[in-house]
Amino acid sequence: MPRLFGHLGPSSWRPLVERVGDGYRVNLGRVEQRVVIESLDELRAMLANHDPDTRRLFPTAYPDDAGLDAEYHQMVGDDLLRGQLEALDTVERTVDGQVIDRDELDGWMRAINGVRLALGTRLDVSEDMGDIDPDHPDAHDRLVYEVLTIILGNLVAAAAR
């Protein structure tokens, strides 16, 4: 398996997300870009197929009233889906390290978090997951989840500056 974040060694260190003038640059290496793009493609397919692992992207508004909750989802479901797809498009369009504006940074956060939520649901992620055992059947997905967590943390930190 390729080494992730290989471009972040001591001699070539640069922040994963850096401020550039009024914008931001997400500095992903080719391997990290591939991980992100493949993850976005998978989420797009999951959304198209109404995969139950995407349920956290469409949270319950009325847990005690199925009728009101169905009405809520009928009213906002298409907007939530459209917003998620637009965020995926933003990342795909800007993954090559170009300078992005604040709205595009927000799209990055939404897209990466969306993938993490779906993947985390599939993996039944908890805080006590421990180290990744390379022989575990979910090792690849858990590694992708960890990489996306690092990227999201850096995006959030950049947005807070």
N, C-alpha and C. Protein backbone atom coordinates (compact mmCIF):
# COMPACT_ATOMS: atom_id res chain seq x y z
N MET A 1 0.86 -1.18 0.00
CA MET A 1 0.00 0.00 0.00
C MET A 1 0.90 1.24 0.00
N PRO A 2 0.58 2.24 -0.82
CA PRO A 2 1.42 3.44 -0.89
C PRO A 2 1.43 4.18 0.45
N ARG A 3 2.55 4.80 0.72
CA ARG A 3 2.67 5.58 1.94
C ARG A 3 1.91 6.88 1.78
N LEU A 4 0.98 7.15 2.68
CA LEU A 4 0.18 8.36 2.62
C LEU A 4 0.92 9.51 3.26
N PHE A 5 0.68 10.69 2.77
CA PHE A 5 1.27 11.92 3.27
C PHE A 5 2.78 11.89 3.16
N GLY A 6 3.31 11.21 2.14
CA GLY A 6 4.74 11.13 1.93
C GLY A 6 5.38 12.47 1.63
N HIS A 7 4.62 13.43 1.11
CA HIS A 7 5.18 14.74 0.78
C HIS A 7 5.37 15.62 2.01
N LEU A 8 5.01 15.12 3.15
CA LEU A 8 5.09 15.95 4.36
C LEU A 8 6.34 15.63 5.19
N GLY A 9 7.40 15.19 4.54
CA GLY A 9 8.65 14.91 5.26
C GLY A 9 9.31 16.19 5.70
N PRO A 10 10.31 16.09 6.59
CA PRO A 10 10.94 17.27 7.18
C PRO A 10 11.52 18.25 6.16
N SER A 11 12.10 17.75 5.05
CA SER A 11 12.74 18.68 4.12
C SER A 11 11.74 19.37 3.21
N SER A 12 10.56 18.79 3.03
CA SER A 12 9.60 19.40 2.12
C SER A 12 8.29 19.74 2.82
N TRP A 13 8.32 19.89 4.12
CA TRP A 13 7.09 20.09 4.87
C TRP A 13 6.38 21.35 4.42
N ARG A 14 5.10 21.21 4.28
CA ARG A 14 4.22 22.35 4.03
C ARG A 14 2.89 21.98 4.65
N PRO A 15 2.13 22.98 5.08
CA PRO A 15 0.86 22.65 5.72
C PRO A 15 -0.09 21.96 4.75
N LEU A 16 -0.91 21.08 5.28
CA LEU A 16 -1.88 20.38 4.46
C LEU A 16 -2.87 21.36 3.85
N VAL A 17 -3.26 22.36 4.63
CA VAL A 17 -4.12 23.44 4.13
C VAL A 17 -3.46 24.74 4.53
N GLU A 18 -3.19 25.58 3.54
CA GLU A 18 -2.51 26.84 3.84
C GLU A 18 -3.31 28.02 3.34
N ARG A 19 -3.14 29.11 4.02
CA ARG A 19 -3.78 30.37 3.62
C ARG A 19 -2.94 30.98 2.50
N VAL A 20 -3.59 31.40 1.43
CA VAL A 20 -2.93 32.04 0.29
C VAL A 20 -3.73 33.30 -0.04
N GLY A 21 -3.23 34.44 0.41
CA GLY A 21 -3.97 35.69 0.20
C GLY A 21 -5.32 35.61 0.88
N ASP A 22 -6.37 35.82 0.10
CA ASP A 22 -7.74 35.73 0.63
C ASP A 22 -8.31 34.32 0.51
N GLY A 23 -7.50 33.38 0.02
CA GLY A 23 -8.00 32.03 -0.21
C GLY A 23 -7.23 30.98 0.55
N TYR A 24 -7.37 29.76 0.10
CA TYR A 24 -6.76 28.60 0.74
C TYR A 24 -6.24 27.66 -0.34
N ARG A 25 -5.24 26.88 0.01
CA ARG A 25 -4.75 25.83 -0.87
C ARG A 25 -4.69 24.54 -0.06
N VAL A 26 -5.28 23.48 -0.62
CA VAL A 26 -5.23 22.16 -0.02
C VAL A 26 -4.09 21.41 -0.72
N ASN A 27 -3.04 21.11 0.04
CA ASN A 27 -1.82 20.50 -0.51
C ASN A 27 -1.85 18.98 -0.34
N LEU A 28 -2.47 18.30 -1.27
CA LEU A 28 -2.50 16.84 -1.24
C LEU A 28 -1.53 16.30 -2.27
N GLY A 29 -0.81 15.23 -1.90
CA GLY A 29 0.01 14.52 -2.87
C GLY A 29 -0.88 13.69 -3.78
N ARG A 30 -0.27 13.07 -4.76
CA ARG A 30 -1.05 12.28 -5.73
C ARG A 30 -1.79 11.12 -5.08
N VAL A 31 -1.15 10.46 -4.14
CA VAL A 31 -1.81 9.33 -3.47
C VAL A 31 -3.02 9.83 -2.68
N GLU A 32 -2.83 10.93 -1.95
CA GLU A 32 -3.93 11.48 -1.16
C GLU A 32 -5.05 11.97 -2.07
N GLN A 33 -4.69 12.58 -3.20
CA GLN A 33 -5.71 13.02 -4.15
C GLN A 33 -6.53 11.82 -4.64
N ARG A 34 -5.83 10.73 -4.95
CA ARG A 34 -6.52 9.52 -5.42
C ARG A 34 -7.45 8.97 -4.35
N VAL A 35 -7.00 8.95 -3.10
CA VAL A 35 -7.84 8.48 -2.00
C VAL A 35 -9.10 9.34 -1.90
N VAL A 36 -8.93 10.65 -1.98
CA VAL A 36 -10.08 11.56 -1.88
C VAL A 36 -11.03 11.35 -3.05
N ILE A 37 -10.51 11.34 -4.27
CA ILE A 37 -11.38 11.19 -5.45
C ILE A 37 -12.11 9.86 -5.43
N GLU A 38 -11.42 8.77 -5.11
CA GLU A 38 -12.08 7.46 -5.05
C GLU A 38 -13.16 7.45 -3.96
N SER A 39 -12.90 8.12 -2.85
CA SER A 39 -13.88 8.19 -1.77
C SER A 39 -15.11 8.99 -2.20
N LEU A 40 -14.88 10.08 -2.92
CA LEU A 40 -16.00 10.89 -3.41
C LEU A 40 -16.82 10.11 -4.43
N ASP A 41 -16.15 9.37 -5.30
CA ASP A 41 -16.86 8.55 -6.28
C ASP A 41 -17.73 7.51 -5.58
N GLU A 42 -17.17 6.91 -4.54
CA GLU A 42 -17.94 5.91 -3.79
C GLU A 42 -19.15 6.54 -3.11
N LEU A 43 -18.97 7.71 -2.52
CA LEU A 43 -20.10 8.37 -1.87
C LEU A 43 -21.16 8.75 -2.91
N ARG A 44 -20.73 9.23 -4.06
CA ARG A 44 -21.69 9.60 -5.12
C ARG A 44 -22.53 8.37 -5.51
N ALA A 45 -21.89 7.22 -5.66
CA ALA A 45 -22.61 5.98 -5.99
C ALA A 45 -23.56 5.59 -4.86
N MET A 46 -23.09 5.73 -3.62
CA MET A 46 -23.93 5.39 -2.47
C MET A 46 -25.17 6.28 -2.44
N LEU A 47 -25.00 7.56 -2.72
CA LEU A 47 -26.13 8.49 -2.72
C LEU A 47 -27.11 8.14 -3.84
N ALA A 48 -26.58 7.80 -5.01
CA ALA A 48 -27.45 7.45 -6.14
C ALA A 48 -28.25 6.18 -5.86
N ASN A 49 -27.67 5.28 -5.07
CA ASN A 49 -28.34 4.01 -4.77
C ASN A 49 -29.09 4.03 -3.44
N HIS A 50 -29.19 5.21 -2.83
CA HIS A 50 -29.89 5.35 -1.54
C HIS A 50 -29.36 4.36 -0.51
N ASP A 51 -28.05 4.19 -0.49
CA ASP A 51 -27.39 3.28 0.43
C ASP A 51 -27.72 3.69 1.87
N PRO A 52 -28.13 2.75 2.71
CA PRO A 52 -28.48 3.09 4.10
C PRO A 52 -27.32 3.67 4.90
N ASP A 53 -26.09 3.44 4.47
CA ASP A 53 -24.94 4.01 5.19
C ASP A 53 -24.83 5.52 5.01
N THR A 54 -25.65 6.11 4.14
CA THR A 54 -25.65 7.57 3.97
C THR A 54 -26.68 8.25 4.87
N ARG A 55 -27.34 7.49 5.71
CA ARG A 55 -28.43 8.04 6.53
C ARG A 55 -28.00 9.21 7.42
N ARG A 56 -26.74 9.23 7.84
CA ARG A 56 -26.30 10.33 8.71
C ARG A 56 -26.18 11.65 7.95
N LEU A 57 -26.19 11.59 6.61
CA LEU A 57 -26.19 12.81 5.81
C LEU A 57 -27.58 13.42 5.72
N PHE A 58 -28.58 12.65 6.12
CA PHE A 58 -29.97 13.08 6.08
C PHE A 58 -30.59 12.81 7.45
N PRO A 59 -30.18 13.57 8.45
CA PRO A 59 -30.56 13.25 9.83
C PRO A 59 -32.07 13.38 10.08
N THR A 60 -32.49 12.64 11.08
CA THR A 60 -33.88 12.67 11.51
C THR A 60 -34.16 13.99 12.22
N ALA A 61 -35.21 14.65 11.80
CA ALA A 61 -35.59 15.92 12.43
C ALA A 61 -36.61 15.70 13.55
N TYR A 62 -37.44 14.70 13.39
CA TYR A 62 -38.50 14.42 14.36
C TYR A 62 -38.44 12.94 14.76
N PRO A 63 -37.56 12.60 15.69
CA PRO A 63 -37.39 11.18 16.04
C PRO A 63 -38.64 10.54 16.65
N ASP A 64 -39.50 11.35 17.22
CA ASP A 64 -40.68 10.80 17.89
C ASP A 64 -41.94 10.86 17.03
N ASP A 65 -41.81 11.33 15.78
CA ASP A 65 -42.99 11.46 14.91
C ASP A 65 -42.59 11.12 13.48
N ALA A 66 -42.85 9.88 13.09
CA ALA A 66 -42.45 9.41 11.76
C ALA A 66 -43.12 10.20 10.65
N GLY A 67 -44.37 10.62 10.86
CA GLY A 67 -45.08 11.39 9.84
C GLY A 67 -44.45 12.75 9.60
N LEU A 68 -44.17 13.46 10.69
CA LEU A 68 -43.51 14.76 10.56
C LEU A 68 -42.11 14.62 9.98
N ASP A 69 -41.41 13.55 10.37
CA ASP A 69 -40.07 13.35 9.86
C ASP A 69 -40.10 13.07 8.36
N ALA A 70 -41.06 12.27 7.91
CA ALA A 70 -41.19 11.99 6.47
C ALA A 70 -41.51 13.28 5.71
N GLU A 71 -42.37 14.11 6.29
CA GLU A 71 -42.72 15.40 5.66
C GLU A 71 -41.49 16.30 5.58
N TYR A 72 -40.71 16.34 6.66
CA TYR A 72 -39.48 17.12 6.68
C TYR A 72 -38.53 16.67 5.57
N HIS A 73 -38.32 15.35 5.47
CA HIS A 73 -37.40 14.82 4.46
C HIS A 73 -37.92 15.07 3.05
N GLN A 74 -39.22 15.06 2.88
CA GLN A 74 -39.79 15.35 1.57
C GLN A 74 -39.52 16.82 1.20
N MET A 75 -39.56 17.70 2.20
CA MET A 75 -39.33 19.13 1.94
C MET A 75 -37.87 19.46 1.71
N VAL A 76 -36.96 18.87 2.46
CA VAL A 76 -35.55 19.29 2.40
C VAL A 76 -34.60 18.24 1.82
N GLY A 77 -35.09 17.04 1.61
CA GLY A 77 -34.21 15.96 1.17
C GLY A 77 -33.47 16.27 -0.13
N ASP A 78 -34.20 16.82 -1.11
CA ASP A 78 -33.56 17.15 -2.39
C ASP A 78 -32.51 18.24 -2.22
N ASP A 79 -32.78 19.21 -1.35
CA ASP A 79 -31.80 20.28 -1.11
C ASP A 79 -30.56 19.74 -0.41
N LEU A 80 -30.74 18.84 0.55
CA LEU A 80 -29.60 18.23 1.23
C LEU A 80 -28.76 17.43 0.25
N LEU A 81 -29.41 16.66 -0.60
CA LEU A 81 -28.70 15.87 -1.60
C LEU A 81 -27.97 16.78 -2.59
N ARG A 82 -28.64 17.80 -3.09
CA ARG A 82 -28.03 18.72 -4.03
C ARG A 82 -26.80 19.40 -3.41
N GLY A 83 -26.91 19.83 -2.17
CA GLY A 83 -25.79 20.46 -1.48
C GLY A 83 -24.61 19.50 -1.34
N GLN A 84 -24.88 18.24 -1.03
CA GLN A 84 -23.81 17.26 -0.90
C GLN A 84 -23.14 17.02 -2.25
N LEU A 85 -23.93 16.89 -3.30
CA LEU A 85 -23.37 16.66 -4.63
C LEU A 85 -22.56 17.87 -5.11
N GLU A 86 -23.03 19.06 -4.81
CA GLU A 86 -22.26 20.27 -5.17
C GLU A 86 -20.93 20.31 -4.43
N ALA A 87 -20.92 19.88 -3.17
CA ALA A 87 -19.67 19.82 -2.41
C ALA A 87 -18.71 18.81 -3.03
N LEU A 88 -19.21 17.65 -3.45
CA LEU A 88 -18.37 16.66 -4.11
C LEU A 88 -17.78 17.24 -5.39
N ASP A 89 -18.61 17.95 -6.15
CA ASP A 89 -18.14 18.58 -7.39
C ASP A 89 -17.03 19.59 -7.10
N THR A 90 -17.18 20.37 -6.04
CA THR A 90 -16.17 21.37 -5.67
C THR A 90 -14.82 20.72 -5.42
N VAL A 91 -14.81 19.65 -4.66
CA VAL A 91 -13.55 18.97 -4.35
C VAL A 91 -12.95 18.38 -5.62
N GLU A 92 -13.78 17.72 -6.42
CA GLU A 92 -13.26 17.12 -7.65
C GLU A 92 -12.64 18.19 -8.57
N ARG A 93 -13.24 19.35 -8.61
CA ARG A 93 -12.78 20.44 -9.48
C ARG A 93 -11.51 21.10 -8.95
N THR A 94 -11.28 21.05 -7.64
CA THR A 94 -10.17 21.82 -7.04
C THR A 94 -9.14 20.95 -6.32
N VAL A 95 -9.20 19.64 -6.48
CA VAL A 95 -8.33 18.74 -5.74
C VAL A 95 -6.86 18.88 -6.13
N ASP A 96 -6.58 19.54 -7.23
CA ASP A 96 -5.20 19.64 -7.73
C ASP A 96 -4.38 20.72 -7.04
N GLY A 97 -4.91 21.35 -6.01
CA GLY A 97 -4.11 22.30 -5.23
C GLY A 97 -4.26 23.75 -5.64
N GLN A 98 -5.26 24.05 -6.47
CA GLN A 98 -5.48 25.44 -6.82
C GLN A 98 -6.00 26.22 -5.62
N VAL A 99 -5.88 27.52 -5.67
CA VAL A 99 -6.37 28.36 -4.58
C VAL A 99 -7.90 28.38 -4.64
N ILE A 100 -8.51 28.16 -3.49
CA ILE A 100 -9.97 28.13 -3.38
C ILE A 100 -10.43 29.24 -2.44
N ASP A 101 -11.69 29.64 -2.59
CA ASP A 101 -12.24 30.67 -1.72
C ASP A 101 -12.93 30.02 -0.51
N ARG A 102 -13.49 30.84 0.35
CA ARG A 102 -14.10 30.33 1.60
C ARG A 102 -15.28 29.41 1.32
N ASP A 103 -16.10 29.74 0.32
CA ASP A 103 -17.23 28.87 -0.01
C ASP A 103 -16.74 27.50 -0.49
N GLU A 104 -15.67 27.49 -1.28
CA GLU A 104 -15.12 26.22 -1.74
C GLU A 104 -14.49 25.45 -0.58
N LEU A 105 -13.86 26.15 0.36
CA LEU A 105 -13.34 25.49 1.55
C LEU A 105 -14.47 24.85 2.33
N ASP A 106 -15.60 25.55 2.45
CA ASP A 106 -16.77 24.97 3.11
C ASP A 106 -17.25 23.72 2.37
N GLY A 107 -17.20 23.76 1.02
CA GLY A 107 -17.57 22.60 0.23
C GLY A 107 -16.64 21.42 0.49
N TRP A 108 -15.35 21.70 0.62
CA TRP A 108 -14.38 20.66 0.96
C TRP A 108 -14.74 20.03 2.30
N MET A 109 -15.02 20.87 3.29
CA MET A 109 -15.36 20.32 4.62
C MET A 109 -16.62 19.47 4.54
N ARG A 110 -17.61 19.93 3.82
CA ARG A 110 -18.87 19.19 3.72
C ARG A 110 -18.66 17.85 3.00
N ALA A 111 -17.90 17.87 1.91
CA ALA A 111 -17.68 16.65 1.14
C ALA A 111 -16.87 15.62 1.95
N ILE A 112 -15.76 16.07 2.53
CA ILE A 112 -14.92 15.14 3.30
C ILE A 112 -15.69 14.61 4.49
N ASN A 113 -16.43 15.48 5.18
CA ASN A 113 -17.21 15.01 6.31
C ASN A 113 -18.30 14.04 5.86
N GLY A 114 -18.91 14.29 4.70
CA GLY A 114 -19.94 13.39 4.20
C GLY A 114 -19.40 11.99 3.96
N VAL A 115 -18.21 11.92 3.35
CA VAL A 115 -17.59 10.61 3.12
C VAL A 115 -17.29 9.94 4.47
N ARG A 116 -16.76 10.72 5.41
CA ARG A 116 -16.44 10.16 6.73
C ARG A 116 -17.69 9.63 7.43
N LEU A 117 -18.79 10.38 7.34
CA LEU A 117 -20.03 9.93 7.98
C LEU A 117 -20.52 8.62 7.38
N ALA A 118 -20.52 8.52 6.07
CA ALA A 118 -20.98 7.29 5.41
C ALA A 118 -20.04 6.13 5.71
N LEU A 119 -18.75 6.37 5.59
CA LEU A 119 -17.76 5.33 5.86
C LEU A 119 -17.78 4.94 7.34
N GLY A 120 -17.89 5.92 8.21
CA GLY A 120 -17.95 5.65 9.64
C GLY A 120 -19.19 4.84 10.02
N THR A 121 -20.30 5.09 9.34
CA THR A 121 -21.51 4.31 9.58
C THR A 121 -21.30 2.87 9.14
N ARG A 122 -20.71 2.70 7.96
CA ARG A 122 -20.45 1.34 7.47
C ARG A 122 -19.52 0.58 8.42
N LEU A 123 -18.50 1.28 8.93
CA LEU A 123 -17.51 0.64 9.79
C LEU A 123 -17.93 0.57 11.25
N ASP A 124 -19.05 1.22 11.58
CA ASP A 124 -19.51 1.32 12.97
C ASP A 124 -18.40 1.90 13.84
N VAL A 125 -17.89 3.06 13.40
CA VAL A 125 -16.76 3.71 14.06
C VAL A 125 -17.12 4.12 15.48
N SER A 126 -16.16 3.90 16.38
CA SER A 126 -16.28 4.37 17.75
C SER A 126 -14.94 4.95 18.16
N GLU A 127 -14.92 5.64 19.29
CA GLU A 127 -13.68 6.27 19.74
C GLU A 127 -12.64 5.25 20.20
N ASP A 128 -13.07 4.06 20.52
CA ASP A 128 -12.13 3.06 21.03
C ASP A 128 -11.78 2.00 19.98
N MET A 129 -11.67 2.44 18.72
CA MET A 129 -11.35 1.49 17.64
C MET A 129 -9.93 0.96 17.75
N GLY A 130 -9.04 1.72 18.32
CA GLY A 130 -7.66 1.26 18.46
C GLY A 130 -6.88 1.37 17.17
N ASP A 131 -5.73 0.73 17.15
CA ASP A 131 -4.86 0.77 15.98
C ASP A 131 -5.46 -0.06 14.84
N ILE A 132 -5.02 0.25 13.64
CA ILE A 132 -5.50 -0.46 12.47
C ILE A 132 -4.66 -1.72 12.27
N ASP A 133 -5.33 -2.86 12.33
CA ASP A 133 -4.67 -4.14 12.09
C ASP A 133 -4.65 -4.37 10.58
N PRO A 134 -3.48 -4.43 9.96
CA PRO A 134 -3.42 -4.56 8.50
C PRO A 134 -4.06 -5.84 7.97
N ASP A 135 -4.27 -6.82 8.82
CA ASP A 135 -4.89 -8.08 8.40
C ASP A 135 -6.41 -8.07 8.56
N HIS A 136 -6.95 -7.02 9.15
CA HIS A 136 -8.40 -6.93 9.35
C HIS A 136 -9.07 -6.69 8.00
N PRO A 137 -10.23 -7.29 7.75
CA PRO A 137 -10.90 -7.11 6.46
C PRO A 137 -11.26 -5.65 6.14
N ASP A 138 -11.45 -4.84 7.17
CA ASP A 138 -11.79 -3.43 6.97
C ASP A 138 -10.58 -2.50 7.05
N ALA A 139 -9.37 -3.05 7.02
CA ALA A 139 -8.16 -2.24 7.22
C ALA A 139 -8.06 -1.10 6.22
N HIS A 140 -8.32 -1.36 4.96
CA HIS A 140 -8.23 -0.31 3.94
C HIS A 140 -9.22 0.81 4.23
N ASP A 141 -10.48 0.45 4.49
CA ASP A 141 -11.50 1.47 4.77
C ASP A 141 -11.19 2.25 6.04
N ARG A 142 -10.65 1.57 7.04
CA ARG A 142 -10.29 2.27 8.28
C ARG A 142 -9.14 3.25 8.04
N LEU A 143 -8.19 2.85 7.20
CA LEU A 143 -7.09 3.76 6.86
C LEU A 143 -7.61 4.96 6.10
N VAL A 144 -8.49 4.74 5.14
CA VAL A 144 -9.10 5.85 4.40
C VAL A 144 -9.84 6.77 5.36
N TYR A 145 -10.58 6.19 6.30
CA TYR A 145 -11.29 6.99 7.29
C TYR A 145 -10.31 7.87 8.09
N GLU A 146 -9.20 7.30 8.50
CA GLU A 146 -8.20 8.06 9.27
C GLU A 146 -7.59 9.18 8.42
N VAL A 147 -7.29 8.89 7.16
CA VAL A 147 -6.73 9.91 6.27
C VAL A 147 -7.73 11.05 6.10
N LEU A 148 -8.98 10.71 5.87
CA LEU A 148 -10.02 11.75 5.71
C LEU A 148 -10.19 12.55 6.99
N THR A 149 -10.03 11.91 8.14
CA THR A 149 -10.12 12.60 9.43
C THR A 149 -9.00 13.64 9.55
N ILE A 150 -7.80 13.27 9.13
CA ILE A 150 -6.68 14.20 9.17
C ILE A 150 -6.93 15.38 8.24
N ILE A 151 -7.39 15.09 7.03
CA ILE A 151 -7.67 16.16 6.07
C ILE A 151 -8.75 17.08 6.62
N LEU A 152 -9.83 16.51 7.14
CA LEU A 152 -10.92 17.34 7.68
C LEU A 152 -10.43 18.21 8.84
N GLY A 153 -9.63 17.65 9.73
CA GLY A 153 -9.11 18.43 10.85
C GLY A 153 -8.30 19.63 10.37
N ASN A 154 -7.52 19.43 9.32
CA ASN A 154 -6.73 20.52 8.77
C ASN A 154 -7.61 21.56 8.08
N LEU A 155 -8.66 21.11 7.40
CA LEU A 155 -9.60 22.04 6.77
C LEU A 155 -10.29 22.91 7.83
N VAL A 156 -10.74 22.28 8.88
CA VAL A 156 -11.43 23.00 9.95
C VAL A 156 -10.48 24.00 10.62
N ALA A 157 -9.25 23.58 10.87
CA ALA A 157 -8.26 24.48 11.48
C ALA A 157 -7.99 25.69 10.58
N ALA A 158 -7.89 25.45 9.28
CA ALA A 158 -7.66 26.57 8.35
C ALA A 158 -8.85 27.52 8.33
N ALA A 159 -10.06 26.96 8.37
CA ALA A 159 -11.25 27.81 8.36
C ALA A 159 -11.36 28.64 9.63
N ALA A 160 -10.82 28.14 10.72
CA ALA A 160 -10.92 28.85 12.00
C ALA A 160 -9.92 30.01 12.10
N ARG A 161 -8.94 30.05 11.22
CA ARG A 161 -7.93 31.10 11.27
C ARG A 161 -8.42 32.37 10.64
